[in-house]
């Protein structure tokens, strides 16, 4: 069955970095796009970034552009999200997800994603 497992979260100070990983199994990884979402307490879930097959397309929320970088390693069936220059407002649970489509577009975060990981907590605090 389709599985996604996030890791790499933690507690960091403002300005520091983290790298999140999303390890997947149960589907042909290199054929499908993967998205990262986050949800902070009391806030709606936000689409953070998406990467298509073959790294052709990547999208970022305006709030993270220039600070976060998404990448994928098809040999490891894993997607990464590099978080740099972290801010307290980046504090959230981060989830990866797939709807088993190959592309990202400017409405990728509105699609109904069927498969989600359990999430990893990122806390940015001094």
PDB file of N, CA and C in Angstrom:
ATOM      1  N   UNK A   1       0.841  -1.189   0.000  1.00  0.00           N
ATOM      2  CA  UNK A   1       0.000   0.000   0.000  1.00  0.00           C
ATOM      3  C   UNK A   1       0.882   1.248   0.000  1.00  0.00           C
ATOM      4  N   UNK A   2       0.277   2.365  -0.402  1.00  0.00           N
ATOM      5  CA  UNK A   2       1.011   3.626  -0.461  1.00  0.00           C
ATOM      6  C   UNK A   2       1.337   4.086   0.953  1.00  0.00           C
ATOM      7  N   UNK A   3       2.611   4.408   1.163  1.00  0.00           N
ATOM      8  CA  UNK A   3       3.033   4.932   2.464  1.00  0.00           C
ATOM      9  C   UNK A   3       3.970   6.099   2.269  1.00  0.00           C
ATOM     10  N   UNK A   4       3.818   7.099   3.116  1.00  0.00           N
ATOM     11  CA  UNK A   4       4.711   8.249   3.148  1.00  0.00           C
ATOM     12  C   UNK A   4       5.098   8.476   4.612  1.00  0.00           C
ATOM     13  N   UNK A   5       6.383   8.648   4.858  1.00  0.00           N
ATOM     14  CA  UNK A   5       6.868   8.818   6.222  1.00  0.00           C
ATOM     15  C   UNK A   5       7.795  10.030   6.266  1.00  0.00           C
ATOM     16  N   UNK A   6       7.386  11.052   7.028  1.00  0.00           N
ATOM     17  CA  UNK A   6       8.197  12.251   7.178  1.00  0.00           C
ATOM     18  C   UNK A   6       9.168  12.099   8.335  1.00  0.00           C
ATOM     19  N   UNK A   7      10.286  12.794   8.223  1.00  0.00           N
ATOM     20  CA  UNK A   7      11.252  12.858   9.314  1.00  0.00           C
ATOM     21  C   UNK A   7      12.063  14.136   9.162  1.00  0.00           C
ATOM     22  N   UNK A   8      12.815  14.466  10.205  1.00  0.00           N
ATOM     23  CA  UNK A   8      13.726  15.599  10.128  1.00  0.00           C
ATOM     24  C   UNK A   8      13.277  16.840  10.871  1.00  0.00           C
ATOM     25  N   UNK A   9      12.083  16.820  11.425  1.00  0.00           N
ATOM     26  CA  UNK A   9      11.633  17.984  12.169  1.00  0.00           C
ATOM     27  C   UNK A   9      12.392  18.141  13.473  1.00  0.00           C
ATOM     28  N   UNK A  10      12.152  19.265  14.150  1.00  0.00           N
ATOM     29  CA  UNK A  10      12.818  19.509  15.421  1.00  0.00           C
ATOM     30  C   UNK A  10      12.604  20.923  15.898  1.00  0.00           C
ATOM     31  N   UNK A  11      13.324  21.249  16.962  1.00  0.00           N
ATOM     32  CA  UNK A  11      13.284  22.585  17.556  1.00  0.00           C
ATOM     33  C   UNK A  11      14.557  23.323  17.164  1.00  0.00           C
ATOM     34  N   UNK A  12      14.393  24.473  16.522  1.00  0.00           N
ATOM     35  CA  UNK A  12      15.536  25.275  16.105  1.00  0.00           C
ATOM     36  C   UNK A  12      15.288  26.724  16.451  1.00  0.00           C
ATOM     37  N   UNK A  13      16.354  27.516  16.410  1.00  0.00           N
ATOM     38  CA  UNK A  13      16.237  28.950  16.651  1.00  0.00           C
ATOM     39  C   UNK A  13      15.985  29.678  15.331  1.00  0.00           C
ATOM     40  N   UNK A  14      15.426  30.865  15.400  1.00  0.00           N
ATOM     41  CA  UNK A  14      15.226  31.651  14.174  1.00  0.00           C
ATOM     42  C   UNK A  14      16.540  31.819  13.406  1.00  0.00           C
ATOM     43  N   UNK A  15      16.433  31.690  12.092  1.00  0.00           N
ATOM     44  CA  UNK A  15      17.605  31.799  11.231  1.00  0.00           C
ATOM     45  C   UNK A  15      18.297  30.487  10.943  1.00  0.00           C
ATOM     46  N   UNK A  16      17.981  29.459  11.703  1.00  0.00           N
ATOM     47  CA  UNK A  16      18.611  28.159  11.487  1.00  0.00           C
ATOM     48  C   UNK A  16      17.899  27.378  10.386  1.00  0.00           C
ATOM     49  N   UNK A  17      18.438  26.169  10.125  1.00  0.00           N
ATOM     50  CA  UNK A  17      17.945  25.354   9.013  1.00  0.00           C
ATOM     51  C   UNK A  17      17.556  23.961   9.478  1.00  0.00           C
ATOM     52  N   UNK A  18      16.702  23.325   8.687  1.00  0.00           N
ATOM     53  CA  UNK A  18      16.347  21.922   8.846  1.00  0.00           C
ATOM     54  C   UNK A  18      16.166  21.322   7.466  1.00  0.00           C
ATOM     55  N   UNK A  19      16.341  19.995   7.370  1.00  0.00           N
ATOM     56  CA  UNK A  19      15.993  19.301   6.140  1.00  0.00           C
ATOM     57  C   UNK A  19      14.986  18.214   6.482  1.00  0.00           C
ATOM     58  N   UNK A  20      13.818  18.338   5.899  1.00  0.00           N
ATOM     59  CA  UNK A  20      12.776  17.340   6.074  1.00  0.00           C
ATOM     60  C   UNK A  20      12.883  16.296   4.967  1.00  0.00           C
ATOM     61  N   UNK A  21      12.579  15.061   5.314  1.00  0.00           N
ATOM     62  CA  UNK A  21      12.553  13.971   4.340  1.00  0.00           C
ATOM     63  C   UNK A  21      11.167  13.352   4.303  1.00  0.00           C
ATOM     64  N   UNK A  22      10.793  12.890   3.129  1.00  0.00           N
ATOM     65  CA  UNK A  22       9.538  12.160   2.940  1.00  0.00           C
ATOM     66  C   UNK A  22       9.895  10.865   2.215  1.00  0.00           C
ATOM     67  N   UNK A  23       9.991   9.783   2.960  1.00  0.00           N
ATOM     68  CA  UNK A  23      10.303   8.474   2.382  1.00  0.00           C
ATOM     69  C   UNK A  23       9.011   7.786   1.973  1.00  0.00           C
ATOM     70  N   UNK A  24       8.995   7.254   0.746  1.00  0.00           N
ATOM     71  CA  UNK A  24       7.751   6.685   0.227  1.00  0.00           C
ATOM     72  C   UNK A  24       7.911   5.227  -0.169  1.00  0.00           C
ATOM     73  N   UNK A  25       6.788   4.537  -0.262  1.00  0.00           N
ATOM     74  CA  UNK A  25       6.770   3.160  -0.732  1.00  0.00           C
ATOM     75  C   UNK A  25       5.371   2.827  -1.212  1.00  0.00           C
ATOM     76  N   UNK A  26       5.265   1.724  -1.965  1.00  0.00           N
ATOM     77  CA  UNK A  26       3.962   1.237  -2.385  1.00  0.00           C
ATOM     78  C   UNK A  26       3.449   1.790  -3.701  1.00  0.00           C
ATOM     79  N   UNK A  27       4.254   2.622  -4.385  1.00  0.00           N
ATOM     80  CA  UNK A  27       3.860   3.126  -5.693  1.00  0.00           C
ATOM     81  C   UNK A  27       5.121   3.444  -6.478  1.00  0.00           C
ATOM     82  N   UNK A  28       4.971   3.661  -7.771  1.00  0.00           N
ATOM     83  CA  UNK A  28       6.111   3.945  -8.644  1.00  0.00           C
ATOM     84  C   UNK A  28       6.486   5.402  -8.475  1.00  0.00           C
ATOM     85  N   UNK A  29       7.408   5.643  -7.560  1.00  0.00           N
ATOM     86  CA  UNK A  29       7.715   6.986  -7.069  1.00  0.00           C
ATOM     87  C   UNK A  29       8.040   7.967  -8.180  1.00  0.00           C
ATOM     88  N   UNK A  30       8.844   7.552  -9.153  1.00  0.00           N
ATOM     89  CA  UNK A  30       9.331   8.529 -10.127  1.00  0.00           C
ATOM     90  C   UNK A  30       8.276   8.954 -11.138  1.00  0.00           C
ATOM     91  N   UNK A  31       7.076   8.401 -11.051  1.00  0.00           N
ATOM     92  CA  UNK A  31       6.011   8.781 -11.964  1.00  0.00           C
ATOM     93  C   UNK A  31       5.078   9.854 -11.417  1.00  0.00           C
ATOM     94  N   UNK A  32       5.252  10.231 -10.132  1.00  0.00           N
ATOM     95  CA  UNK A  32       4.246  11.064  -9.494  1.00  0.00           C
ATOM     96  C   UNK A  32       4.831  12.261  -8.757  1.00  0.00           C
ATOM     97  N   UNK A  33       4.029  13.314  -8.706  1.00  0.00           N
ATOM     98  CA  UNK A  33       4.387  14.509  -7.948  1.00  0.00           C
ATOM     99  C   UNK A  33       4.153  14.289  -6.460  1.00  0.00           C
ATOM    100  N   UNK A  34       4.915  15.033  -5.680  1.00  0.00           N
ATOM    101  CA  UNK A  34       4.782  15.013  -4.223  1.00  0.00           C
ATOM    102  C   UNK A  34       4.633  16.451  -3.728  1.00  0.00           C
ATOM    103  N   UNK A  35       3.744  16.643  -2.789  1.00  0.00           N
ATOM    104  CA  UNK A  35       3.553  17.964  -2.204  1.00  0.00           C
ATOM    105  C   UNK A  35       3.891  17.979  -0.730  1.00  0.00           C
ATOM    106  N   UNK A  36       4.313  19.148  -0.255  1.00  0.00           N
ATOM    107  CA  UNK A  36       4.504  19.382   1.180  1.00  0.00           C
ATOM    108  C   UNK A  36       3.461  20.400   1.635  1.00  0.00           C
ATOM    109  N   UNK A  37       2.854  20.099   2.764  1.00  0.00           N
ATOM    110  CA  UNK A  37       1.882  20.978   3.392  1.00  0.00           C
ATOM    111  C   UNK A  37       2.328  21.224   4.834  1.00  0.00           C
ATOM    112  N   UNK A  38       1.736  22.223   5.448  1.00  0.00           N
ATOM    113  CA  UNK A  38       1.974  22.430   6.875  1.00  0.00           C
ATOM    114  C   UNK A  38       0.697  22.960   7.529  1.00  0.00           C
ATOM    115  N   UNK A  39       0.603  22.682   8.809  1.00  0.00           N
ATOM    116  CA  UNK A  39      -0.536  23.184   9.571  1.00  0.00           C
ATOM    117  C   UNK A  39      -0.077  23.612  10.946  1.00  0.00           C
ATOM    118  N   UNK A  40      -0.307  24.880  11.240  1.00  0.00           N
ATOM    119  CA  UNK A  40       0.013  25.433  12.551  1.00  0.00           C
ATOM    120  C   UNK A  40      -1.234  25.379  13.432  1.00  0.00           C
ATOM    121  N   UNK A  41      -1.071  25.378  14.740  1.00  0.00           N
ATOM    122  CA  UNK A  41      -2.223  25.328  15.636  1.00  0.00           C
ATOM    123  C   UNK A  41      -3.189  26.472  15.367  1.00  0.00           C
ATOM    124  N   UNK A  42      -4.451  26.124  15.211  1.00  0.00           N
ATOM    125  CA  UNK A  42      -5.476  27.134  15.004  1.00  0.00           C
ATOM    126  C   UNK A  42      -5.524  27.731  13.610  1.00  0.00           C
ATOM    127  N   UNK A  43      -4.697  27.195  12.705  1.00  0.00           N
ATOM    128  CA  UNK A  43      -4.672  27.729  11.335  1.00  0.00           C
ATOM    129  C   UNK A  43      -5.047  26.648  10.338  1.00  0.00           C
ATOM    130  N   UNK A  44      -5.452  27.079   9.141  1.00  0.00           N
ATOM    131  CA  UNK A  44      -5.769  26.131   8.084  1.00  0.00           C
ATOM    132  C   UNK A  44      -4.483  25.536   7.505  1.00  0.00           C
ATOM    133  N   UNK A  45      -4.639  24.362   6.951  1.00  0.00           N
ATOM    134  CA  UNK A  45      -3.503  23.724   6.292  1.00  0.00           C
ATOM    135  C   UNK A  45      -3.062  24.554   5.094  1.00  0.00           C
ATOM    136  N   UNK A  46      -1.762  24.674   4.907  1.00  0.00           N
ATOM    137  CA  UNK A  46      -1.185  25.492   3.844  1.00  0.00           C
ATOM    138  C   UNK A  46      -0.320  24.632   2.932  1.00  0.00           C
ATOM    139  N   UNK A  47      -0.483  24.802   1.640  1.00  0.00           N
ATOM    140  CA  UNK A  47       0.405  24.137   0.693  1.00  0.00           C
ATOM    141  C   UNK A  47       1.731  24.864   0.645  1.00  0.00           C
ATOM    142  N   UNK A  48       2.814  24.163   0.916  1.00  0.00           N
ATOM    143  CA  UNK A  48       4.137  24.780   1.016  1.00  0.00           C
ATOM    144  C   UNK A  48       4.916  24.666  -0.293  1.00  0.00           C
ATOM    145  N   UNK A  49       4.979  23.452  -0.846  1.00  0.00           N
ATOM    146  CA  UNK A  49       5.783  23.246  -2.045  1.00  0.00           C
ATOM    147  C   UNK A  49       5.374  21.961  -2.729  1.00  0.00           C
ATOM    148  N   UNK A  50       5.622  21.904  -4.022  1.00  0.00           N
ATOM    149  CA  UNK A  50       5.285  20.728  -4.815  1.00  0.00           C
ATOM    150  C   UNK A  50       6.398  20.481  -5.815  1.00  0.00           C
ATOM    151  N   UNK A  51       6.690  19.209  -6.074  1.00  0.00           N
ATOM    152  CA  UNK A  51       7.677  18.858  -7.092  1.00  0.00           C
ATOM    153  C   UNK A  51       7.076  17.791  -7.993  1.00  0.00           C
ATOM    154  N   UNK A  52       7.205  17.997  -9.297  1.00  0.00           N
ATOM    155  CA  UNK A  52       6.638  17.065 -10.258  1.00  0.00           C
ATOM    156  C   UNK A  52       7.633  15.949 -10.557  1.00  0.00           C
ATOM    157  N   UNK A  53       7.226  15.059 -11.446  1.00  0.00           N
ATOM    158  CA  UNK A  53       8.147  14.040 -11.900  1.00  0.00           C
ATOM    159  C   UNK A  53       9.312  14.690 -12.628  1.00  0.00           C
ATOM    160  N   UNK A  54      10.455  14.066 -12.544  1.00  0.00           N
ATOM    161  CA  UNK A  54      11.659  14.506 -13.254  1.00  0.00           C
ATOM    162  C   UNK A  54      12.033  15.947 -12.948  1.00  0.00           C
ATOM    163  N   UNK A  55      11.590  16.450 -11.795  1.00  0.00           N
ATOM    164  CA  UNK A  55      11.939  17.820 -11.362  1.00  0.00           C
ATOM    165  C   UNK A  55      11.559  18.884 -12.385  1.00  0.00           C
ATOM    166  N   UNK A  56      10.590  18.597 -13.224  1.00  0.00           N
ATOM    167  CA  UNK A  56      10.260  19.550 -14.278  1.00  0.00           C
ATOM    168  C   UNK A  56       9.619  20.806 -13.714  1.00  0.00           C
ATOM    169  N   UNK A  57       8.761  20.619 -12.712  1.00  0.00           N
ATOM    170  CA  UNK A  57       8.050  21.753 -12.138  1.00  0.00           C
ATOM    171  C   UNK A  57       8.194  21.737 -10.624  1.00  0.00           C
ATOM    172  N   UNK A  58       8.426  22.903 -10.080  1.00  0.00           N
ATOM    173  CA  UNK A  58       8.368  23.072  -8.635  1.00  0.00           C
ATOM    174  C   UNK A  58       7.562  24.325  -8.327  1.00  0.00           C
ATOM    175  N   UNK A  59       6.836  24.283  -7.247  1.00  0.00           N
ATOM    176  CA  UNK A  59       6.051  25.428  -6.812  1.00  0.00           C
ATOM    177  C   UNK A  59       6.327  25.673  -5.340  1.00  0.00           C
ATOM    178  N   UNK A  60       6.249  26.936  -4.960  1.00  0.00           N
ATOM    179  CA  UNK A  60       6.450  27.325  -3.575  1.00  0.00           C
ATOM    180  C   UNK A  60       5.394  28.339  -3.163  1.00  0.00           C
ATOM    181  N   UNK A  61       4.957  28.232  -1.929  1.00  0.00           N
ATOM    182  CA  UNK A  61       4.112  29.279  -1.374  1.00  0.00           C
ATOM    183  C   UNK A  61       4.927  30.570  -1.271  1.00  0.00           C
ATOM    184  N   UNK A  62       4.267  31.700  -1.441  1.00  0.00           N
ATOM    185  CA  UNK A  62       4.975  32.982  -1.364  1.00  0.00           C
ATOM    186  C   UNK A  62       5.695  33.146  -0.032  1.00  0.00           C
ATOM    187  N   UNK A  63       5.124  32.583   1.011  1.00  0.00           N
ATOM    188  CA  UNK A  63       5.685  32.754   2.354  1.00  0.00           C
ATOM    189  C   UNK A  63       7.025  32.043   2.535  1.00  0.00           C
ATOM    190  N   UNK A  64       7.370  31.114   1.624  1.00  0.00           N
ATOM    191  CA  UNK A  64       8.617  30.355   1.783  1.00  0.00           C
ATOM    192  C   UNK A  64       9.565  30.518   0.600  1.00  0.00           C
ATOM    193  N   UNK A  65       9.141  31.227  -0.435  1.00  0.00           N
ATOM    194  CA  UNK A  65       9.996  31.392  -1.615  1.00  0.00           C
ATOM    195  C   UNK A  65      11.324  32.024  -1.236  1.00  0.00           C
ATOM    196  N   UNK A  66      12.390  31.461  -1.777  1.00  0.00           N
ATOM    197  CA  UNK A  66      13.716  31.969  -1.494  1.00  0.00           C
ATOM    198  C   UNK A  66      14.333  31.412  -0.221  1.00  0.00           C
ATOM    199  N   UNK A  67      13.530  30.725   0.585  1.00  0.00           N
ATOM    200  CA  UNK A  67      14.054  30.145   1.828  1.00  0.00           C
ATOM    201  C   UNK A  67      13.979  28.621   1.841  1.00  0.00           C
ATOM    202  N   UNK A  68      12.959  28.052   1.213  1.00  0.00           N
ATOM    203  CA  UNK A  68      12.775  26.601   1.184  1.00  0.00           C
ATOM    204  C   UNK A  68      13.109  26.081  -0.212  1.00  0.00           C
ATOM    205  N   UNK A  69      13.644  24.865  -0.263  1.00  0.00           N
ATOM    206  CA  UNK A  69      13.949  24.226  -1.539  1.00  0.00           C
ATOM    207  C   UNK A  69      13.473  22.780  -1.502  1.00  0.00           C
ATOM    208  N   UNK A  70      12.701  22.395  -2.500  1.00  0.00           N
ATOM    209  CA  UNK A  70      12.214  21.022  -2.610  1.00  0.00           C
ATOM    210  C   UNK A  70      13.057  20.278  -3.633  1.00  0.00           C
ATOM    211  N   UNK A  71      13.302  19.005  -3.357  1.00  0.00           N
ATOM    212  CA  UNK A  71      14.055  18.168  -4.291  1.00  0.00           C
ATOM    213  C   UNK A  71      13.600  16.725  -4.120  1.00  0.00           C
ATOM    214  N   UNK A  72      13.984  15.890  -5.074  1.00  0.00           N
ATOM    215  CA  UNK A  72      13.634  14.480  -4.973  1.00  0.00           C
ATOM    216  C   UNK A  72      14.803  13.622  -5.424  1.00  0.00           C
ATOM    217  N   UNK A  73      14.923  12.439  -4.811  1.00  0.00           N
ATOM    218  CA  UNK A  73      15.928  11.447  -5.187  1.00  0.00           C
ATOM    219  C   UNK A  73      15.171  10.186  -5.592  1.00  0.00           C
ATOM    220  N   UNK A  74      15.061   9.969  -6.903  1.00  0.00           N
ATOM    221  CA  UNK A  74      14.286   8.833  -7.383  1.00  0.00           C
ATOM    222  C   UNK A  74      14.951   7.491  -7.074  1.00  0.00           C
ATOM    223  N   UNK A  75      16.250   7.505  -6.750  1.00  0.00           N
ATOM    224  CA  UNK A  75      16.911   6.253  -6.387  1.00  0.00           C
ATOM    225  C   UNK A  75      16.562   5.833  -4.961  1.00  0.00           C
ATOM    226  N   UNK A  76      16.108   6.803  -4.159  1.00  0.00           N
ATOM    227  CA  UNK A  76      15.767   6.520  -2.766  1.00  0.00           C
ATOM    228  C   UNK A  76      14.271   6.654  -2.491  1.00  0.00           C
ATOM    229  N   UNK A  77      13.487   6.948  -3.533  1.00  0.00           N
ATOM    230  CA  UNK A  77      12.038   7.147  -3.371  1.00  0.00           C
ATOM    231  C   UNK A  77      11.728   8.169  -2.277  1.00  0.00           C
ATOM    232  N   UNK A  78      12.481   9.237  -2.267  1.00  0.00           N
ATOM    233  CA  UNK A  78      12.400  10.216  -1.182  1.00  0.00           C
ATOM    234  C   UNK A  78      12.362  11.633  -1.738  1.00  0.00           C
ATOM    235  N   UNK A  79      11.536  12.461  -1.119  1.00  0.00           N
ATOM    236  CA  UNK A  79      11.492  13.892  -1.406  1.00  0.00           C
ATOM    237  C   UNK A  79      12.020  14.632  -0.192  1.00  0.00           C
ATOM    238  N   UNK A  80      12.768  15.693  -0.460  1.00  0.00           N
ATOM    239  CA  UNK A  80      13.343  16.499   0.615  1.00  0.00           C
ATOM    240  C   UNK A  80      12.783  17.913   0.566  1.00  0.00           C
ATOM    241  N   UNK A  81      12.720  18.541   1.721  1.00  0.00           N
ATOM    242  CA  UNK A  81      12.385  19.957   1.807  1.00  0.00           C
ATOM    243  C   UNK A  81      13.427  20.609   2.702  1.00  0.00           C
ATOM    244  N   UNK A  82      14.286  21.411   2.074  1.00  0.00           N
ATOM    245  CA  UNK A  82      15.312  22.133   2.814  1.00  0.00           C
ATOM    246  C   UNK A  82      14.716  23.444   3.309  1.00  0.00           C
ATOM    247  N   UNK A  83      14.757  23.649   4.610  1.00  0.00           N
ATOM    248  CA  UNK A  83      14.189  24.839   5.235  1.00  0.00           C
ATOM    249  C   UNK A  83      15.332  25.701   5.758  1.00  0.00           C
ATOM    250  N   UNK A  84      15.546  26.829   5.138  1.00  0.00           N
ATOM    251  CA  UNK A  84      16.594  27.765   5.560  1.00  0.00           C
ATOM    252  C   UNK A  84      15.971  29.042   6.106  1.00  0.00           C
ATOM    253  N   UNK A  85      16.774  29.785   6.857  1.00  0.00           N
ATOM    254  CA  UNK A  85      16.335  31.074   7.408  1.00  0.00           C
ATOM    255  C   UNK A  85      14.977  30.950   8.079  1.00  0.00           C
ATOM    256  N   UNK A  86      14.859  29.963   8.935  1.00  0.00           N
ATOM    257  CA  UNK A  86      13.562  29.687   9.555  1.00  0.00           C
ATOM    258  C   UNK A  86      13.099  30.829  10.448  1.00  0.00           C
ATOM    259  N   UNK A  87      11.792  31.016  10.458  1.00  0.00           N
ATOM    260  CA  UNK A  87      11.144  32.069  11.233  1.00  0.00           C
ATOM    261  C   UNK A  87      10.148  31.431  12.205  1.00  0.00           C
ATOM    262  N   UNK A  88       9.814  32.115  13.272  1.00  0.00           N
ATOM    263  CA  UNK A  88       8.819  31.555  14.199  1.00  0.00           C
ATOM    264  C   UNK A  88       7.498  31.202  13.509  1.00  0.00           C
ATOM    265  N   UNK A  89       7.132  31.963  12.484  1.00  0.00           N
ATOM    266  CA  UNK A  89       5.877  31.675  11.783  1.00  0.00           C
ATOM    267  C   UNK A  89       5.948  30.428  10.916  1.00  0.00           C
ATOM    268  N   UNK A  90       7.100  29.813  10.795  1.00  0.00           N
ATOM    269  CA  UNK A  90       7.220  28.533  10.101  1.00  0.00           C
ATOM    270  C   UNK A  90       6.865  27.356  11.015  1.00  0.00           C
ATOM    271  N   UNK A  91       6.656  27.642  12.286  1.00  0.00           N
ATOM    272  CA  UNK A  91       6.307  26.587  13.228  1.00  0.00           C
ATOM    273  C   UNK A  91       4.992  25.924  12.823  1.00  0.00           C
ATOM    274  N   UNK A  92       5.037  24.608  12.646  1.00  0.00           N
ATOM    275  CA  UNK A  92       3.863  23.854  12.193  1.00  0.00           C
ATOM    276  C   UNK A  92       4.214  22.370  12.150  1.00  0.00           C
ATOM    277  N   UNK A  93       3.192  21.560  11.956  1.00  0.00           N
ATOM    278  CA  UNK A  93       3.415  20.171  11.576  1.00  0.00           C
ATOM    279  C   UNK A  93       3.477  20.129  10.048  1.00  0.00           C
ATOM    280  N   UNK A  94       4.532  19.524   9.534  1.00  0.00           N
ATOM    281  CA  UNK A  94       4.748  19.437   8.093  1.00  0.00           C
ATOM    282  C   UNK A  94       4.395  18.038   7.608  1.00  0.00           C
ATOM    283  N   UNK A  95       3.604  17.982   6.533  1.00  0.00           N
ATOM    284  CA  UNK A  95       3.150  16.724   5.966  1.00  0.00           C
ATOM    285  C   UNK A  95       3.557  16.648   4.499  1.00  0.00           C
ATOM    286  N   UNK A  96       3.894  15.445   4.032  1.00  0.00           N
ATOM    287  CA  UNK A  96       4.003  15.215   2.592  1.00  0.00           C
ATOM    288  C   UNK A  96       2.798  14.395   2.140  1.00  0.00           C
ATOM    289  N   UNK A  97       2.472  14.557   0.870  1.00  0.00           N
ATOM    290  CA  UNK A  97       1.272  13.918   0.350  1.00  0.00           C
ATOM    291  C   UNK A  97       1.401  13.713  -1.151  1.00  0.00           C
ATOM    292  N   UNK A  98       0.619  12.762  -1.659  1.00  0.00           N
ATOM    293  CA  UNK A  98       0.532  12.564  -3.098  1.00  0.00           C
ATOM    294  C   UNK A  98      -0.894  12.205  -3.489  1.00  0.00           C
ATOM    295  N   UNK A  99      -1.291  12.655  -4.678  1.00  0.00           N
ATOM    296  CA  UNK A  99      -2.574  12.247  -5.244  1.00  0.00           C
ATOM    297  C   UNK A  99      -2.361  11.390  -6.487  1.00  0.00           C
ATOM    298  N   UNK A 100      -1.125  10.906  -6.612  1.00  0.00           N
ATOM    299  CA  UNK A 100      -0.764  10.021  -7.726  1.00  0.00           C
ATOM    300  C   UNK A 100      -1.080  10.641  -9.086  1.00  0.00           C
ATOM    301  N   UNK A 101      -0.754  11.927  -9.213  1.00  0.00           N
ATOM    302  CA  UNK A 101      -0.716  12.583 -10.510  1.00  0.00           C
ATOM    303  C   UNK A 101       0.718  13.057 -10.736  1.00  0.00           C
ATOM    304  N   UNK A 102       1.112  13.223 -11.997  1.00  0.00           N
ATOM    305  CA  UNK A 102       2.518  13.493 -12.254  1.00  0.00           C
ATOM    306  C   UNK A 102       2.953  14.962 -12.187  1.00  0.00           C
ATOM    307  N   UNK A 103       2.005  15.890 -12.098  1.00  0.00           N
ATOM    308  CA  UNK A 103       2.377  17.278 -12.328  1.00  0.00           C
ATOM    309  C   UNK A 103       2.063  18.151 -11.130  1.00  0.00           C
ATOM    310  N   UNK A 104       2.706  19.304 -11.120  1.00  0.00           N
ATOM    311  CA  UNK A 104       2.345  20.388 -10.209  1.00  0.00           C
ATOM    312  C   UNK A 104       1.920  21.563 -11.080  1.00  0.00           C
ATOM    313  N   UNK A 105       0.913  22.286 -10.651  1.00  0.00           N
ATOM    314  CA  UNK A 105       0.552  23.527 -11.313  1.00  0.00           C
ATOM    315  C   UNK A 105       0.185  24.534 -10.242  1.00  0.00           C
ATOM    316  N   UNK A 106      -0.322  25.678 -10.654  1.00  0.00           N
ATOM    317  CA  UNK A 106      -0.520  26.727  -9.652  1.00  0.00           C
ATOM    318  C   UNK A 106      -1.729  26.487  -8.752  1.00  0.00           C
ATOM    319  N   UNK A 107      -2.439  25.379  -8.976  1.00  0.00           N
ATOM    320  CA  UNK A 107      -3.521  25.011  -8.045  1.00  0.00           C
ATOM    321  C   UNK A 107      -3.270  23.655  -7.403  1.00  0.00           C
ATOM    322  N   UNK A 108      -1.984  23.265  -7.352  1.00  0.00           N
ATOM    323  CA  UNK A 108      -1.662  21.915  -6.873  1.00  0.00           C
ATOM    324  C   UNK A 108      -2.180  21.682  -5.460  1.00  0.00           C
ATOM    325  N   UNK A 109      -2.172  22.693  -4.637  1.00  0.00           N
ATOM    326  CA  UNK A 109      -2.513  22.532  -3.229  1.00  0.00           C
ATOM    327  C   UNK A 109      -4.018  22.391  -3.013  1.00  0.00           C
ATOM    328  N   UNK A 110      -4.809  22.652  -4.050  1.00  0.00           N
ATOM    329  CA  UNK A 110      -6.262  22.558  -3.924  1.00  0.00           C
ATOM    330  C   UNK A 110      -6.775  21.170  -4.285  1.00  0.00           C
ATOM    331  N   UNK A 111      -5.910  20.334  -4.846  1.00  0.00           N
ATOM    332  CA  UNK A 111      -6.350  19.007  -5.286  1.00  0.00           C
ATOM    333  C   UNK A 111      -6.658  18.137  -4.077  1.00  0.00           C
ATOM    334  N   UNK A 112      -7.527  17.150  -4.251  1.00  0.00           N
ATOM    335  CA  UNK A 112      -7.820  16.223  -3.146  1.00  0.00           C
ATOM    336  C   UNK A 112      -6.745  15.149  -3.042  1.00  0.00           C
ATOM    337  N   UNK A 113      -5.861  15.297  -2.078  1.00  0.00           N
ATOM    338  CA  UNK A 113      -4.773  14.334  -1.900  1.00  0.00           C
ATOM    339  C   UNK A 113      -5.266  13.124  -1.116  1.00  0.00           C
ATOM    340  N   UNK A 114      -4.979  11.954  -1.653  1.00  0.00           N
ATOM    341  CA  UNK A 114      -5.488  10.722  -1.047  1.00  0.00           C
ATOM    342  C   UNK A 114      -4.541  10.127  -0.024  1.00  0.00           C
ATOM    343  N   UNK A 115      -3.249  10.421  -0.179  1.00  0.00           N
ATOM    344  CA  UNK A 115      -2.247   9.742   0.642  1.00  0.00           C
ATOM    345  C   UNK A 115      -1.385  10.762   1.367  1.00  0.00           C
ATOM    346  N   UNK A 116      -1.293  10.584   2.674  1.00  0.00           N
ATOM    347  CA  UNK A 116      -0.589  11.523   3.552  1.00  0.00           C
ATOM    348  C   UNK A 116       0.344  10.774   4.497  1.00  0.00           C
ATOM    349  N   UNK A 117       1.418  11.453   4.863  1.00  0.00           N
ATOM    350  CA  UNK A 117       2.240  10.950   5.941  1.00  0.00           C
ATOM    351  C   UNK A 117       1.672  11.362   7.284  1.00  0.00           C
ATOM    352  N   UNK A 118       2.385  10.971   8.345  1.00  0.00           N
ATOM    353  CA  UNK A 118       1.895  11.240   9.689  1.00  0.00           C
ATOM    354  C   UNK A 118       2.301  12.622  10.198  1.00  0.00           C
ATOM    355  N   UNK A 119       3.231  13.257   9.495  1.00  0.00           N
ATOM    356  CA  UNK A 119       3.664  14.600   9.857  1.00  0.00           C
ATOM    357  C   UNK A 119       4.907  14.610  10.730  1.00  0.00           C
ATOM    358  N   UNK A 120       5.634  15.725  10.640  1.00  0.00           N
ATOM    359  CA  UNK A 120       6.793  15.953  11.492  1.00  0.00           C
ATOM    360  C   UNK A 120       6.739  17.389  12.007  1.00  0.00           C
ATOM    361  N   UNK A 121       6.991  17.555  13.294  1.00  0.00           N
ATOM    362  CA  UNK A 121       6.841  18.857  13.934  1.00  0.00           C
ATOM    363  C   UNK A 121       8.090  19.710  13.711  1.00  0.00           C
ATOM    364  N   UNK A 122       7.874  20.933  13.270  1.00  0.00           N
ATOM    365  CA  UNK A 122       8.943  21.928  13.174  1.00  0.00           C
ATOM    366  C   UNK A 122       8.575  23.074  14.117  1.00  0.00           C
ATOM    367  N   UNK A 123       9.474  23.371  15.037  1.00  0.00           N
ATOM    368  CA  UNK A 123       9.258  24.458  15.984  1.00  0.00           C
ATOM    369  C   UNK A 123      10.434  25.413  15.895  1.00  0.00           C
ATOM    370  N   UNK A 124      10.129  26.682  15.628  1.00  0.00           N
ATOM    371  CA  UNK A 124      11.161  27.716  15.514  1.00  0.00           C
ATOM    372  C   UNK A 124      10.936  28.706  16.652  1.00  0.00           C
ATOM    373  N   UNK A 125      11.872  28.716  17.575  1.00  0.00           N
ATOM    374  CA  UNK A 125      11.700  29.542  18.767  1.00  0.00           C
ATOM    375  C   UNK A 125      13.051  29.862  19.373  1.00  0.00           C
ATOM    376  N   UNK A 126      13.157  31.071  19.895  1.00  0.00           N
ATOM    377  CA  UNK A 126      14.381  31.463  20.599  1.00  0.00           C
ATOM    378  C   UNK A 126      14.249  31.191  22.096  1.00  0.00           C
TER     379      UNK A 126
END
